[in-house]
Amino acid sequence: MISRLARWLAGFAFSIGFVLALLELALRVAPGLIGGGLGNALYSVYGDFAGGIYFRDREAHLSFMWPDFATRAYWNGYWWNHRTDAWGFRNPPDLASKSMLLLGDSLIYGHGVDEEDTVAHLLRQEHGRAAYNMGRQGNTLFQEYVLSRLYLPRFRPEQLVVFVFVNDFRDMEVYREPAEIAAPPELDRLDYDALYARVQHPKTRFRLREQLYRLRVWRLGVGIAAALRPHPASDEELREQFGAILDDARFEPIARYYRLVLADLARRCRAQGCELAVVLVDVPDTVLPNAAAPQDRLFGLLAAIGGEQGFRVLTTRELYRGCPECFLPHDGHLTREGHRRLAGLVAEQLAPPTPAAR
């Protein structure tokens, strides 16, 4: 009896393993089999799990992209080649000059398109500007400030361009505790020399749960579990996202953070002879419904800080008016045309420094 039960259990386990192996194979050889949110759960490389593009510095509680790392990336039905240089940013490995640094989130990183279609590449190719892409998916001002502190003294650029998007305010609430927004630790309590040493020589850590993400069937299960959990409707999510800007009680602490951090960044740029500029990537309602009012308020804040601190503040509002082809369908990130227009705006509005000013 025991022997028969053991044989049945072994056969059952073998059958389950065989089916899972077939499913794993199918998900790998036919990635278009599953799309939507489950497709993102299956194929996204946005994470610090095994095979992901990030590693986590646990002392600073910050994520960085793996240097010299190449993979295929996916989101919302779009595939692109992700490749980083020795510094851990999405640039050609042989790029020498870094006179214009671009800081931003996934819009600047080039989510959904290859590197040859990004604003940094087009600034170099079509405008002769030595643009260096430091954009990363999910970034907001505090990560961008940390990157500027790490690399401004080492790259010594002539221009630093910070791109801001309307979701950045909400991201501050997600990533930071209220105490960190009120008294930013990155201003004076972060050991940047030690952080730089760790980032340049990241250590791999073996954690079983992270390694399981190498299996498509595991990620499928995680995605199904996430899809079954209740979540707000899309219009409620938009209201919550914009609430960080439109609700005065939520807006003021983050606005104060922006004033503190941008003032410090402007001071550091001046001390190094580097021109600081901020660009609000303002998108039409056809891309992000009901975003006009929060974008107006955000631009007003940035313009006021720029006036106080003496740096340029630009907006893309007119740039993308009547340009549906500038945005990826069913995604909202920039197409090559969207990146091309943004590169033209930056090149036109931010002239190269004169030799005397360099």
Foldseek 3Di string as FASTA:
>chain_A
DVVVVVVVVVVVVVVVVVVLVVVLVCCVVPVVPDFDLLSCLQFALPDCFVNHQWNADVVVRDIAGDAQDWDWHDDRHAIEIAGHELLRARDPNPQDAAQEEEEEACLQSPPRYYPCLHLQNLLCVVVVDSHDYPYYHLDADVVRLLVCVQPCVPNLHQAYEYEHELLRLVSCVVRDDLVCLQPPCSVPPDDNVVVNVCSSPPDDDDDPVSNCSVGSVVSSVVSVVVVPDDDDDPVVVLCSSLCCQPVVVNVVSNLVSCLVSVLVVLVVCVVSLHAYEYEYEDEDCVLPNPCPVSSVSVQVSVVVSCVVSVHYYYYCVVVCVPPPVQADPPPRHGGSVVSNSVSVVCPVPPPRDDPVSD
